[in-house]
Amino acid sequence: MLIKKLKDCKNIPGGDNTVIKEVLHPKNDPIVLSYSIAHASLNPGKKSLKHKMKSTEVYYILKGQGIMHIDDESQKVTNGFVVFIPPNSIQYIENIGKGNLDFLAFCSPPWKFEDEIDFKS
């Protein structure tokens, strides 16, 4: 059995204005898993950097209000929303609320630094 507390999970370098904690990752945890899960938090008025991933990503919005941008589409998201992000899509999320925007990011295959490309904007 593997049980963790979010506060005990270590931060990973996000470099995109988000505070990221790896929740589950097969490289860190004694489990076989075909995906990774990270918890991300974005301060009010901030947005993540435009980037694309070689992998599929799914965001589950836990709290706050934001606008999700994927390629040429944008949509408001709030707690309870699930966002599917296809591989190689240009993406970023912005916090339009008064509090933090918190979400889980599921990445399949598991997230790797070299699978992410940042765009300067």
PDB file of N, CA and C in Angstrom:
ATOM      1  N   MET A   1       0.852  -1.174   0.000  1.00  0.00           N
ATOM      2  CA  MET A   1       0.000   0.000   0.000  1.00  0.00           C
ATOM      3  C   MET A   1       0.896   1.235   0.000  1.00  0.00           C
ATOM      4  N   LEU A   2       0.548   2.182  -0.822  1.00  0.00           N
ATOM      5  CA  LEU A   2       1.283   3.442  -0.886  1.00  0.00           C
ATOM      6  C   LEU A   2       0.298   4.581  -0.638  1.00  0.00           C
ATOM      7  N   ILE A   3       0.526   5.340   0.414  1.00  0.00           N
ATOM      8  CA  ILE A   3      -0.311   6.488   0.759  1.00  0.00           C
ATOM      9  C   ILE A   3       0.631   7.652   1.039  1.00  0.00           C
ATOM     10  N   LYS A   4       0.308   8.805   0.475  1.00  0.00           N
ATOM     11  CA  LYS A   4       1.155   9.985   0.654  1.00  0.00           C
ATOM     12  C   LYS A   4       0.306  11.178   1.044  1.00  0.00           C
ATOM     13  N   LYS A   5       0.942  12.153   1.692  1.00  0.00           N
ATOM     14  CA  LYS A   5       0.322  13.445   1.960  1.00  0.00           C
ATOM     15  C   LYS A   5       0.936  14.446   0.996  1.00  0.00           C
ATOM     16  N   LEU A   6       0.116  15.329   0.455  1.00  0.00           N
ATOM     17  CA  LEU A   6       0.607  16.321  -0.493  1.00  0.00           C
ATOM     18  C   LEU A   6       1.736  17.150   0.107  1.00  0.00           C
ATOM     19  N   LYS A   7       1.611  17.525   1.383  1.00  0.00           N
ATOM     20  CA  LYS A   7       2.625  18.373   2.012  1.00  0.00           C
ATOM     21  C   LYS A   7       3.982  17.676   2.099  1.00  0.00           C
ATOM     22  N   ASP A   8       4.000  16.350   2.017  1.00  0.00           N
ATOM     23  CA  ASP A   8       5.255  15.602   2.088  1.00  0.00           C
ATOM     24  C   ASP A   8       5.878  15.362   0.710  1.00  0.00           C
ATOM     25  N   CYS A   9       5.160  15.694  -0.345  1.00  0.00           N
ATOM     26  CA  CYS A   9       5.677  15.501  -1.698  1.00  0.00           C
ATOM     27  C   CYS A   9       6.625  16.644  -2.039  1.00  0.00           C
ATOM     28  N   LYS A  10       7.695  16.319  -2.756  1.00  0.00           N
ATOM     29  CA  LYS A  10       8.684  17.355  -3.042  1.00  0.00           C
ATOM     30  C   LYS A  10       8.316  18.149  -4.290  1.00  0.00           C
ATOM     31  N   ASN A  11       8.734  19.411  -4.277  1.00  0.00           N
ATOM     32  CA  ASN A  11       8.549  20.276  -5.432  1.00  0.00           C
ATOM     33  C   ASN A  11       9.469  19.824  -6.551  1.00  0.00           C
ATOM     34  N   ILE A  12       8.994  19.981  -7.785  1.00  0.00           N
ATOM     35  CA  ILE A  12       9.851  19.734  -8.941  1.00  0.00           C
ATOM     36  C   ILE A  12       9.969  21.038  -9.713  1.00  0.00           C
ATOM     37  N   PRO A  13      11.063  21.210 -10.432  1.00  0.00           N
ATOM     38  CA  PRO A  13      11.214  22.457 -11.186  1.00  0.00           C
ATOM     39  C   PRO A  13      10.178  22.549 -12.290  1.00  0.00           C
ATOM     40  N   GLY A  14       9.319  23.563 -12.208  1.00  0.00           N
ATOM     41  CA  GLY A  14       8.304  23.754 -13.228  1.00  0.00           C
ATOM     42  C   GLY A  14       8.729  24.830 -14.211  1.00  0.00           C
ATOM     43  N   GLY A  15       9.293  25.905 -13.690  1.00  0.00           N
ATOM     44  CA  GLY A  15       9.760  26.965 -14.548  1.00  0.00           C
ATOM     45  C   GLY A  15       8.659  27.655 -15.331  1.00  0.00           C
ATOM     46  N   ASP A  16       7.399  27.434 -14.961  1.00  0.00           N
ATOM     47  CA  ASP A  16       6.301  28.012 -15.757  1.00  0.00           C
ATOM     48  C   ASP A  16       5.329  28.815 -14.895  1.00  0.00           C
ATOM     49  N   ASN A  17       5.807  29.362 -13.795  1.00  0.00           N
ATOM     50  CA  ASN A  17       5.013  30.152 -12.846  1.00  0.00           C
ATOM     51  C   ASN A  17       4.134  29.301 -11.937  1.00  0.00           C
ATOM     52  N   THR A  18       4.144  27.983 -12.100  1.00  0.00           N
ATOM     53  CA  THR A  18       3.353  27.123 -11.221  1.00  0.00           C
ATOM     54  C   THR A  18       4.247  26.512 -10.147  1.00  0.00           C
ATOM     55  N   VAL A  19       3.653  26.243  -9.005  1.00  0.00           N
ATOM     56  CA  VAL A  19       4.323  25.476  -7.961  1.00  0.00           C
ATOM     57  C   VAL A  19       3.867  24.040  -8.161  1.00  0.00           C
ATOM     58  N   ILE A  20       4.804  23.148  -8.449  1.00  0.00           N
ATOM     59  CA  ILE A  20       4.464  21.764  -8.808  1.00  0.00           C
ATOM     60  C   ILE A  20       5.035  20.805  -7.778  1.00  0.00           C
ATOM     61  N   LYS A  21       4.194  19.871  -7.347  1.00  0.00           N
ATOM     62  CA  LYS A  21       4.629  18.791  -6.467  1.00  0.00           C
ATOM     63  C   LYS A  21       4.340  17.470  -7.164  1.00  0.00           C
ATOM     64  N   GLU A  22       5.351  16.626  -7.270  1.00  0.00           N
ATOM     65  CA  GLU A  22       5.125  15.298  -7.825  1.00  0.00           C
ATOM     66  C   GLU A  22       4.395  14.462  -6.783  1.00  0.00           C
ATOM     67  N   VAL A  23       3.221  13.979  -7.146  1.00  0.00           N
ATOM     68  CA  VAL A  23       2.424  13.167  -6.226  1.00  0.00           C
ATOM     69  C   VAL A  23       2.770  11.695  -6.398  1.00  0.00           C
ATOM     70  N   LEU A  24       2.681  11.210  -7.626  1.00  0.00           N
ATOM     71  CA  LEU A  24       3.061   9.835  -7.949  1.00  0.00           C
ATOM     72  C   LEU A  24       3.865   9.828  -9.245  1.00  0.00           C
ATOM     73  N   HIS A  25       4.989   9.144  -9.212  1.00  0.00           N
ATOM     74  CA  HIS A  25       5.811   8.989 -10.411  1.00  0.00           C
ATOM     75  C   HIS A  25       6.577   7.675 -10.271  1.00  0.00           C
ATOM     76  N   PRO A  26       6.531   6.821 -11.306  1.00  0.00           N
ATOM     77  CA  PRO A  26       7.193   5.518 -11.176  1.00  0.00           C
ATOM     78  C   PRO A  26       8.705   5.605 -10.965  1.00  0.00           C
ATOM     79  N   LYS A  27       9.330   6.731 -11.312  1.00  0.00           N
ATOM     80  CA  LYS A  27      10.777   6.855 -11.068  1.00  0.00           C
ATOM     81  C   LYS A  27      11.080   7.142  -9.594  1.00  0.00           C
ATOM     82  N   ASN A  28      10.084   7.629  -8.847  1.00  0.00           N
ATOM     83  CA  ASN A  28      10.296   7.981  -7.440  1.00  0.00           C
ATOM     84  C   ASN A  28       9.628   7.026  -6.466  1.00  0.00           C
ATOM     85  N   ASP A  29       8.596   6.368  -6.907  1.00  0.00           N
ATOM     86  CA  ASP A  29       7.787   5.542  -6.019  1.00  0.00           C
ATOM     87  C   ASP A  29       7.926   4.064  -6.383  1.00  0.00           C
ATOM     88  N   PRO A  30       7.833   3.180  -5.391  1.00  0.00           N
ATOM     89  CA  PRO A  30       7.997   1.738  -5.645  1.00  0.00           C
ATOM     90  C   PRO A  30       6.722   1.118  -6.233  1.00  0.00           C
ATOM     91  N   ILE A  31       6.328   1.625  -7.409  1.00  0.00           N
ATOM     92  CA  ILE A  31       5.100   1.163  -8.054  1.00  0.00           C
ATOM     93  C   ILE A  31       5.326   1.053  -9.555  1.00  0.00           C
ATOM     94  N   VAL A  32       4.502   0.249 -10.190  1.00  0.00           N
ATOM     95  CA  VAL A  32       4.483   0.177 -11.645  1.00  0.00           C
ATOM     96  C   VAL A  32       3.298   1.020 -12.081  1.00  0.00           C
ATOM     97  N   LEU A  33       3.573   2.044 -12.879  1.00  0.00           N
ATOM     98  CA  LEU A  33       2.547   2.999 -13.255  1.00  0.00           C
ATOM     99  C   LEU A  33       2.858   3.504 -14.657  1.00  0.00           C
ATOM    100  N   SER A  34       1.850   3.604 -15.506  1.00  0.00           N
ATOM    101  CA  SER A  34       2.065   4.058 -16.887  1.00  0.00           C
ATOM    102  C   SER A  34       1.813   5.561 -17.050  1.00  0.00           C
ATOM    103  N   TYR A  35       1.662   6.266 -15.934  1.00  0.00           N
ATOM    104  CA  TYR A  35       1.437   7.707 -15.949  1.00  0.00           C
ATOM    105  C   TYR A  35       2.036   8.312 -14.687  1.00  0.00           C
ATOM    106  N   SER A  36       2.068   9.632 -14.627  1.00  0.00           N
ATOM    107  CA  SER A  36       2.493  10.319 -13.413  1.00  0.00           C
ATOM    108  C   SER A  36       1.411  11.317 -13.032  1.00  0.00           C
ATOM    109  N   ILE A  37       1.413  11.712 -11.766  1.00  0.00           N
ATOM    110  CA  ILE A  37       0.457  12.700 -11.266  1.00  0.00           C
ATOM    111  C   ILE A  37       1.234  13.781 -10.528  1.00  0.00           C
ATOM    112  N   ALA A  38       0.930  15.025 -10.879  1.00  0.00           N
ATOM    113  CA  ALA A  38       1.521  16.161 -10.181  1.00  0.00           C
ATOM    114  C   ALA A  38       0.405  17.084  -9.711  1.00  0.00           C
ATOM    115  N   HIS A  39       0.644  17.771  -8.605  1.00  0.00           N
ATOM    116  CA  HIS A  39      -0.270  18.793  -8.110  1.00  0.00           C
ATOM    117  C   HIS A  39       0.347  20.135  -8.474  1.00  0.00           C
ATOM    118  N   ALA A  40      -0.425  21.000  -9.118  1.00  0.00           N
ATOM    119  CA  ALA A  40       0.072  22.309  -9.524  1.00  0.00           C
ATOM    120  C   ALA A  40      -0.787  23.400  -8.900  1.00  0.00           C
ATOM    121  N   SER A  41      -0.151  24.507  -8.568  1.00  0.00           N
ATOM    122  CA  SER A  41      -0.840  25.651  -8.003  1.00  0.00           C
ATOM    123  C   SER A  41      -0.325  26.904  -8.699  1.00  0.00           C
ATOM    124  N   LEU A  42      -1.259  27.768  -9.084  1.00  0.00           N
ATOM    125  CA  LEU A  42      -0.930  28.982  -9.821  1.00  0.00           C
ATOM    126  C   LEU A  42      -1.551  30.167  -9.097  1.00  0.00           C
ATOM    127  N   ASN A  43      -0.737  31.156  -8.773  1.00  0.00           N
ATOM    128  CA  ASN A  43      -1.205  32.330  -8.031  1.00  0.00           C
ATOM    129  C   ASN A  43      -2.152  33.183  -8.873  1.00  0.00           C
ATOM    130  N   PRO A  44      -3.006  33.978  -8.212  1.00  0.00           N
ATOM    131  CA  PRO A  44      -3.937  34.854  -8.929  1.00  0.00           C
ATOM    132  C   PRO A  44      -3.205  35.776  -9.914  1.00  0.00           C
ATOM    133  N   GLY A  45      -3.794  35.938 -11.094  1.00  0.00           N
ATOM    134  CA  GLY A  45      -3.240  36.824 -12.105  1.00  0.00           C
ATOM    135  C   GLY A  45      -2.075  36.253 -12.889  1.00  0.00           C
ATOM    136  N   LYS A  46      -1.640  35.050 -12.569  1.00  0.00           N
ATOM    137  CA  LYS A  46      -0.498  34.434 -13.254  1.00  0.00           C
ATOM    138  C   LYS A  46      -0.980  33.461 -14.318  1.00  0.00           C
ATOM    139  N   LYS A  47      -0.088  33.144 -15.248  1.00  0.00           N
ATOM    140  CA  LYS A  47      -0.358  32.105 -16.237  1.00  0.00           C
ATOM    141  C   LYS A  47       0.896  31.274 -16.426  1.00  0.00           C
ATOM    142  N   SER A  48       0.702  30.022 -16.762  1.00  0.00           N
ATOM    143  CA  SER A  48       1.846  29.161 -17.026  1.00  0.00           C
ATOM    144  C   SER A  48       2.438  29.553 -18.379  1.00  0.00           C
ATOM    145  N   LEU A  49       3.663  29.171 -18.603  1.00  0.00           N
ATOM    146  CA  LEU A  49       4.286  29.448 -19.896  1.00  0.00           C
ATOM    147  C   LEU A  49       3.659  28.574 -20.976  1.00  0.00           C
ATOM    148  N   LYS A  50       3.597  29.112 -22.182  1.00  0.00           N
ATOM    149  CA  LYS A  50       3.160  28.298 -23.317  1.00  0.00           C
ATOM    150  C   LYS A  50       4.170  27.174 -23.493  1.00  0.00           C
ATOM    151  N   HIS A  51       3.658  25.959 -23.630  1.00  0.00           N
ATOM    152  CA  HIS A  51       4.536  24.810 -23.836  1.00  0.00           C
ATOM    153  C   HIS A  51       3.765  23.707 -24.527  1.00  0.00           C
ATOM    154  N   LYS A  52       4.485  22.715 -24.986  1.00  0.00           N
ATOM    155  CA  LYS A  52       3.826  21.517 -25.487  1.00  0.00           C
ATOM    156  C   LYS A  52       4.569  20.310 -24.944  1.00  0.00           C
ATOM    157  N   MET A  53       3.841  19.214 -24.851  1.00  0.00           N
ATOM    158  CA  MET A  53       4.366  17.967 -24.313  1.00  0.00           C
ATOM    159  C   MET A  53       4.298  16.892 -25.399  1.00  0.00           C
ATOM    160  N   LYS A  54       5.262  15.997 -25.378  1.00  0.00           N
ATOM    161  CA  LYS A  54       5.211  14.854 -26.290  1.00  0.00           C
ATOM    162  C   LYS A  54       4.157  13.849 -25.824  1.00  0.00           C
ATOM    163  N   SER A  55       3.770  13.949 -24.568  1.00  0.00           N
ATOM    164  CA  SER A  55       2.827  13.000 -23.972  1.00  0.00           C
ATOM    165  C   SER A  55       1.422  13.586 -23.881  1.00  0.00           C
ATOM    166  N   THR A  56       0.468  12.738 -23.574  1.00  0.00           N
ATOM    167  CA  THR A  56      -0.907  13.159 -23.301  1.00  0.00           C
ATOM    168  C   THR A  56      -0.967  13.676 -21.871  1.00  0.00           C
ATOM    169  N   GLU A  57      -1.754  14.726 -21.679  1.00  0.00           N
ATOM    170  CA  GLU A  57      -1.912  15.279 -20.338  1.00  0.00           C
ATOM    171  C   GLU A  57      -3.397  15.491 -20.062  1.00  0.00           C
ATOM    172  N   VAL A  58      -3.774  15.310 -18.806  1.00  0.00           N
ATOM    173  CA  VAL A  58      -5.134  15.591 -18.354  1.00  0.00           C
ATOM    174  C   VAL A  58      -5.028  16.435 -17.098  1.00  0.00           C
ATOM    175  N   TYR A  59      -5.756  17.550 -17.079  1.00  0.00           N
ATOM    176  CA  TYR A  59      -5.834  18.383 -15.883  1.00  0.00           C
ATOM    177  C   TYR A  59      -7.177  18.139 -15.214  1.00  0.00           C
ATOM    178  N   TYR A  60      -7.156  18.009 -13.882  1.00  0.00           N
ATOM    179  CA  TYR A  60      -8.376  17.973 -13.087  1.00  0.00           C
ATOM    180  C   TYR A  60      -8.318  19.193 -12.172  1.00  0.00           C
ATOM    181  N   ILE A  61      -9.233  20.129 -12.383  1.00  0.00           N
ATOM    182  CA  ILE A  61      -9.232  21.379 -11.625  1.00  0.00           C
ATOM    183  C   ILE A  61      -9.818  21.139 -10.233  1.00  0.00           C
ATOM    184  N   LEU A  62      -9.023  21.423  -9.207  1.00  0.00           N
ATOM    185  CA  LEU A  62      -9.444  21.218  -7.823  1.00  0.00           C
ATOM    186  C   LEU A  62     -10.119  22.452  -7.229  1.00  0.00           C
ATOM    187  N   LYS A  63      -9.547  23.638  -7.497  1.00  0.00           N
ATOM    188  CA  LYS A  63     -10.146  24.868  -6.977  1.00  0.00           C
ATOM    189  C   LYS A  63      -9.657  26.053  -7.792  1.00  0.00           C
ATOM    190  N   GLY A  64     -10.469  27.093  -7.777  1.00  0.00           N
ATOM    191  CA  GLY A  64     -10.111  28.320  -8.469  1.00  0.00           C
ATOM    192  C   GLY A  64     -10.804  28.449  -9.815  1.00  0.00           C
ATOM    193  N   GLN A  65     -10.445  29.516 -10.512  1.00  0.00           N
ATOM    194  CA  GLN A  65     -11.002  29.795 -11.836  1.00  0.00           C
ATOM    195  C   GLN A  65      -9.867  30.104 -12.794  1.00  0.00           C
ATOM    196  N   GLY A  66      -9.965  29.553 -13.988  1.00  0.00           N
ATOM    197  CA  GLY A  66      -8.912  29.801 -14.956  1.00  0.00           C
ATOM    198  C   GLY A  66      -9.437  29.768 -16.376  1.00  0.00           C
ATOM    199  N   ILE A  67      -8.542  30.055 -17.284  1.00  0.00           N
ATOM    200  CA  ILE A  67      -8.821  29.880 -18.707  1.00  0.00           C
ATOM    201  C   ILE A  67      -7.760  28.930 -19.235  1.00  0.00           C
ATOM    202  N   MET A  68      -8.216  27.827 -19.819  1.00  0.00           N
ATOM    203  CA  MET A  68      -7.331  26.831 -20.416  1.00  0.00           C
ATOM    204  C   MET A  68      -7.196  27.149 -21.890  1.00  0.00           C
ATOM    205  N   HIS A  69      -5.958  27.185 -22.351  1.00  0.00           N
ATOM    206  CA  HIS A  69      -5.663  27.458 -23.757  1.00  0.00           C
ATOM    207  C   HIS A  69      -4.978  26.231 -24.350  1.00  0.00           C
ATOM    208  N   ILE A  70      -5.567  25.681 -25.403  1.00  0.00           N
ATOM    209  CA  ILE A  70      -4.970  24.553 -26.121  1.00  0.00           C
ATOM    210  C   ILE A  70      -5.023  24.893 -27.604  1.00  0.00           C
ATOM    211  N   ASP A  71      -3.837  25.012 -28.206  1.00  0.00           N
ATOM    212  CA  ASP A  71      -3.718  25.435 -29.604  1.00  0.00           C
ATOM    213  C   ASP A  71      -4.513  26.723 -29.804  1.00  0.00           C
ATOM    214  N   ASP A  72      -5.515  26.730 -30.677  1.00  0.00           N
ATOM    215  CA  ASP A  72      -6.277  27.956 -30.969  1.00  0.00           C
ATOM    216  C   ASP A  72      -7.582  28.059 -30.185  1.00  0.00           C
ATOM    217  N   GLU A  73      -7.780  27.177 -29.191  1.00  0.00           N
ATOM    218  CA  GLU A  73      -9.019  27.180 -28.419  1.00  0.00           C
ATOM    219  C   GLU A  73      -8.758  27.636 -26.978  1.00  0.00           C
ATOM    220  N   SER A  74      -9.744  28.309 -26.392  1.00  0.00           N
ATOM    221  CA  SER A  74      -9.674  28.738 -24.997  1.00  0.00           C
ATOM    222  C   SER A  74     -11.031  28.520 -24.355  1.00  0.00           C
ATOM    223  N   GLN A  75     -11.020  28.105 -23.085  1.00  0.00           N
ATOM    224  CA  GLN A  75     -12.279  27.900 -22.368  1.00  0.00           C
ATOM    225  C   GLN A  75     -12.064  28.114 -20.885  1.00  0.00           C
ATOM    226  N   LYS A  76     -13.058  28.724 -20.245  1.00  0.00           N
ATOM    227  CA  LYS A  76     -13.022  28.931 -18.795  1.00  0.00           C
ATOM    228  C   LYS A  76     -13.172  27.581 -18.104  1.00  0.00           C
ATOM    229  N   VAL A  77     -12.402  27.388 -17.030  1.00  0.00           N
ATOM    230  CA  VAL A  77     -12.466  26.160 -16.239  1.00  0.00           C
ATOM    231  C   VAL A  77     -12.537  26.538 -14.763  1.00  0.00           C
ATOM    232  N   THR A  78     -13.153  25.676 -13.990  1.00  0.00           N
ATOM    233  CA  THR A  78     -13.261  25.873 -12.548  1.00  0.00           C
ATOM    234  C   THR A  78     -13.278  24.496 -11.890  1.00  0.00           C
ATOM    235  N   ASN A  79     -13.400  24.468 -10.557  1.00  0.00           N
ATOM    236  CA  ASN A  79     -13.307  23.188  -9.851  1.00  0.00           C
ATOM    237  C   ASN A  79     -14.277  22.157 -10.415  1.00  0.00           C
ATOM    238  N   GLY A  80     -13.759  20.938 -10.549  1.00  0.00           N
ATOM    239  CA  GLY A  80     -14.547  19.835 -11.077  1.00  0.00           C
ATOM    240  C   GLY A  80     -14.393  19.626 -12.578  1.00  0.00           C
ATOM    241  N   PHE A  81     -13.751  20.556 -13.280  1.00  0.00           N
ATOM    242  CA  PHE A  81     -13.553  20.392 -14.721  1.00  0.00           C
ATOM    243  C   PHE A  81     -12.382  19.440 -14.977  1.00  0.00           C
ATOM    244  N   VAL A  82     -12.513  18.650 -16.050  1.00  0.00           N
ATOM    245  CA  VAL A  82     -11.448  17.776 -16.531  1.00  0.00           C
ATOM    246  C   VAL A  82     -11.077  18.250 -17.930  1.00  0.00           C
ATOM    247  N   VAL A  83      -9.779  18.430 -18.175  1.00  0.00           N
ATOM    248  CA  VAL A  83      -9.298  18.943 -19.455  1.00  0.00           C
ATOM    249  C   VAL A  83      -8.363  17.918 -20.081  1.00  0.00           C
ATOM    250  N   PHE A  84      -8.688  17.453 -21.288  1.00  0.00           N
ATOM    251  CA  PHE A  84      -7.816  16.548 -22.043  1.00  0.00           C
ATOM    252  C   PHE A  84      -6.924  17.386 -22.949  1.00  0.00           C
ATOM    253  N   ILE A  85      -5.615  17.159 -22.858  1.00  0.00           N
ATOM    254  CA  ILE A  85      -4.643  17.899 -23.661  1.00  0.00           C
ATOM    255  C   ILE A  85      -3.902  16.897 -24.543  1.00  0.00           C
ATOM    256  N   PRO A  86      -4.188  16.917 -25.849  1.00  0.00           N
ATOM    257  CA  PRO A  86      -3.530  15.960 -26.753  1.00  0.00           C
ATOM    258  C   PRO A  86      -2.016  16.193 -26.832  1.00  0.00           C
ATOM    259  N   PRO A  87      -1.261  15.151 -27.155  1.00  0.00           N
ATOM    260  CA  PRO A  87       0.188  15.317 -27.315  1.00  0.00           C
ATOM    261  C   PRO A  87       0.499  16.380 -28.373  1.00  0.00           C
ATOM    262  N   ASN A  88       1.602  17.074 -28.186  1.00  0.00           N
ATOM    263  CA  ASN A  88       2.119  18.070 -29.127  1.00  0.00           C
ATOM    264  C   ASN A  88       1.204  19.269 -29.334  1.00  0.00           C
ATOM    265  N   SER A  89       0.308  19.523 -28.393  1.00  0.00           N
ATOM    266  CA  SER A  89      -0.562  20.704 -28.445  1.00  0.00           C
ATOM    267  C   SER A  89       0.104  21.843 -27.681  1.00  0.00           C
ATOM    268  N   ILE A  90       0.040  23.046 -28.235  1.00  0.00           N
ATOM    269  CA  ILE A  90       0.531  24.209 -27.504  1.00  0.00           C
ATOM    270  C   ILE A  90      -0.510  24.534 -26.435  1.00  0.00           C
ATOM    271  N   GLN A  91      -0.055  24.623 -25.191  1.00  0.00           N
ATOM    272  CA  GLN A  91      -0.983  24.783 -24.082  1.00  0.00           C
ATOM    273  C   GLN A  91      -0.446  25.726 -23.023  1.00  0.00           C
ATOM    274  N   TYR A  92      -1.379  26.369 -22.329  1.00  0.00           N
ATOM    275  CA  TYR A  92      -1.075  27.079 -21.089  1.00  0.00           C
ATOM    276  C   TYR A  92      -2.392  27.352 -20.379  1.00  0.00           C
ATOM    277  N   ILE A  93      -2.290  27.630 -19.092  1.00  0.00           N
ATOM    278  CA  ILE A  93      -3.475  27.922 -18.288  1.00  0.00           C
ATOM    279  C   ILE A  93      -3.222  29.219 -17.543  1.00  0.00           C
ATOM    280  N   GLU A  94      -4.269  30.037 -17.386  1.00  0.00           N
ATOM    281  CA  GLU A  94      -4.127  31.287 -16.640  1.00  0.00           C
ATOM    282  C   GLU A  94      -5.141  31.331 -15.510  1.00  0.00           C
ATOM    283  N   ASN A  95      -4.728  31.916 -14.406  1.00  0.00           N
ATOM    284  CA  ASN A  95      -5.589  32.058 -13.236  1.00  0.00           C
ATOM    285  C   ASN A  95      -6.305  33.408 -13.327  1.00  0.00           C
ATOM    286  N   ILE A  96      -7.644  33.362 -13.429  1.00  0.00           N
ATOM    287  CA  ILE A  96      -8.440  34.588 -13.500  1.00  0.00           C
ATOM    288  C   ILE A  96      -9.224  34.833 -12.214  1.00  0.00           C
ATOM    289  N   GLY A  97      -8.974  34.010 -11.212  1.00  0.00           N
ATOM    290  CA  GLY A  97      -9.698  34.135  -9.948  1.00  0.00           C
ATOM    291  C   GLY A  97      -8.947  34.970  -8.926  1.00  0.00           C
ATOM    292  N   LYS A  98      -9.540  35.088  -7.744  1.00  0.00           N
ATOM    293  CA  LYS A  98      -8.940  35.859  -6.652  1.00  0.00           C
ATOM    294  C   LYS A  98      -8.066  35.001  -5.744  1.00  0.00           C
ATOM    295  N   GLY A  99      -8.214  33.677  -5.849  1.00  0.00           N
ATOM    296  CA  GLY A  99      -7.396  32.750  -5.062  1.00  0.00           C
ATOM    297  C   GLY A  99      -6.544  31.890  -5.981  1.00  0.00           C
ATOM    298  N   ASN A 100      -5.794  30.988  -5.380  1.00  0.00           N
ATOM    299  CA  ASN A 100      -4.963  30.089  -6.174  1.00  0.00           C
ATOM    300  C   ASN A 100      -5.808  29.201  -7.074  1.00  0.00           C
ATOM    301  N   LEU A 101      -5.249  28.851  -8.215  1.00  0.00           N
ATOM    302  CA  LEU A 101      -5.829  27.859  -9.124  1.00  0.00           C
ATOM    303  C   LEU A 101      -5.037  26.585  -8.896  1.00  0.00           C
ATOM    304  N   ASP A 102      -5.677  25.569  -8.333  1.00  0.00           N
ATOM    305  CA  ASP A 102      -5.028  24.297  -8.026  1.00  0.00           C
ATOM    306  C   ASP A 102      -5.590  23.208  -8.923  1.00  0.00           C
ATOM    307  N   PHE A 103      -4.700  22.359  -9.451  1.00  0.00           N
ATOM    308  CA  PHE A 103      -5.150  21.270 -10.305  1.00  0.00           C
ATOM    309  C   PHE A 103      -4.177  20.109 -10.248  1.00  0.00           C
ATOM    310  N   LEU A 104      -4.689  18.933 -10.593  1.00  0.00           N
ATOM    311  CA  LEU A 104      -3.854  17.751 -10.754  1.00  0.00           C
ATOM    312  C   LEU A 104      -3.538  17.606 -12.231  1.00  0.00           C
ATOM    313  N   ALA A 105      -2.303  17.247 -12.536  1.00  0.00           N
ATOM    314  CA  ALA A 105      -1.888  17.001 -13.917  1.00  0.00           C
ATOM    315  C   ALA A 105      -1.476  15.539 -14.036  1.00  0.00           C
ATOM    316  N   PHE A 106      -2.213  14.806 -14.848  1.00  0.00           N
ATOM    317  CA  PHE A 106      -1.915  13.409 -15.126  1.00  0.00           C
ATOM    318  C   PHE A 106      -1.188  13.363 -16.472  1.00  0.00           C
ATOM    319  N   CYS A 107      -0.067  12.697 -16.525  1.00  0.00           N
ATOM    320  CA  CYS A 107       0.751  12.683 -17.737  1.00  0.00           C
ATOM    321  C   CYS A 107       1.047  11.229 -18.123  1.00  0.00           C
ATOM    322  N   SER A 108       0.747  10.883 -19.381  1.00  0.00           N
ATOM    323  CA  SER A 108       0.976   9.519 -19.855  1.00  0.00           C
ATOM    324  C   SER A 108       1.641   9.558 -21.222  1.00  0.00           C
ATOM    325  N   PRO A 109       2.822   8.953 -21.362  1.00  0.00           N
ATOM    326  CA  PRO A 109       3.598   8.275 -20.324  1.00  0.00           C
ATOM    327  C   PRO A 109       4.071   9.269 -19.263  1.00  0.00           C
ATOM    328  N   PRO A 110       4.677   8.756 -18.181  1.00  0.00           N
ATOM    329  CA  PRO A 110       5.081   9.634 -17.094  1.00  0.00           C
ATOM    330  C   PRO A 110       5.923  10.820 -17.565  1.00  0.00           C
ATOM    331  N   TRP A 111       5.728  11.968 -16.898  1.00  0.00           N
ATOM    332  CA  TRP A 111       6.414  13.205 -17.249  1.00  0.00           C
ATOM    333  C   TRP A 111       7.922  13.031 -17.222  1.00  0.00           C
ATOM    334  N   LYS A 112       8.579  13.596 -18.255  1.00  0.00           N
ATOM    335  CA  LYS A 112      10.034  13.680 -18.316  1.00  0.00           C
ATOM    336  C   LYS A 112      10.385  15.087 -18.784  1.00  0.00           C
ATOM    337  N   PHE A 113      11.403  15.658 -18.201  1.00  0.00           N
ATOM    338  CA  PHE A 113      11.835  17.018 -18.534  1.00  0.00           C
ATOM    339  C   PHE A 113      12.048  17.180 -20.039  1.00  0.00           C
ATOM    340  N   GLU A 114      12.684  16.205 -20.652  1.00  0.00           N
ATOM    341  CA  GLU A 114      13.014  16.305 -22.074  1.00  0.00           C
ATOM    342  C   GLU A 114      11.795  16.181 -22.996  1.00  0.00           C
ATOM    343  N   ASP A 115      10.642  15.825 -22.462  1.00  0.00           N
ATOM    344  CA  ASP A 115       9.418  15.718 -23.272  1.00  0.00           C
ATOM    345  C   ASP A 115       8.628  17.027 -23.324  1.00  0.00           C
ATOM    346  N   GLU A 116       9.163  18.079 -22.702  1.00  0.00           N
ATOM    347  CA  GLU A 116       8.447  19.351 -22.616  1.00  0.00           C
ATOM    348  C   GLU A 116       9.220  20.422 -23.372  1.00  0.00           C
ATOM    349  N   ILE A 117       8.493  21.198 -24.193  1.00  0.00           N
ATOM    350  CA  ILE A 117       9.096  22.295 -24.948  1.00  0.00           C
ATOM    351  C   ILE A 117       8.401  23.586 -24.536  1.00  0.00           C
ATOM    352  N   ASP A 118       9.189  24.581 -24.058  1.00  0.00           N
ATOM    353  CA  ASP A 118       8.637  25.885 -23.671  1.00  0.00           C
ATOM    354  C   ASP A 118       8.747  26.851 -24.839  1.00  0.00           C
ATOM    355  N   PHE A 119       7.755  27.735 -24.940  1.00  0.00           N
ATOM    356  CA  PHE A 119       7.745  28.803 -25.933  1.00  0.00           C
ATOM    357  C   PHE A 119       7.808  30.115 -25.196  1.00  0.00           C
ATOM    358  N   LYS A 120       8.644  31.006 -25.620  1.00  0.00           N
ATOM    359  CA  LYS A 120       8.728  32.320 -24.979  1.00  0.00           C
ATOM    360  C   LYS A 120       7.588  33.181 -25.501  1.00  0.00           C
ATOM    361  N   SER A 121       6.893  33.863 -24.581  1.00  0.00           N
ATOM    362  CA  SER A 121       5.801  34.753 -25.007  1.00  0.00           C
ATOM    363  C   SER A 121       5.809  36.031 -24.214  1.00  0.00           C
TER     364      SER A 121
END
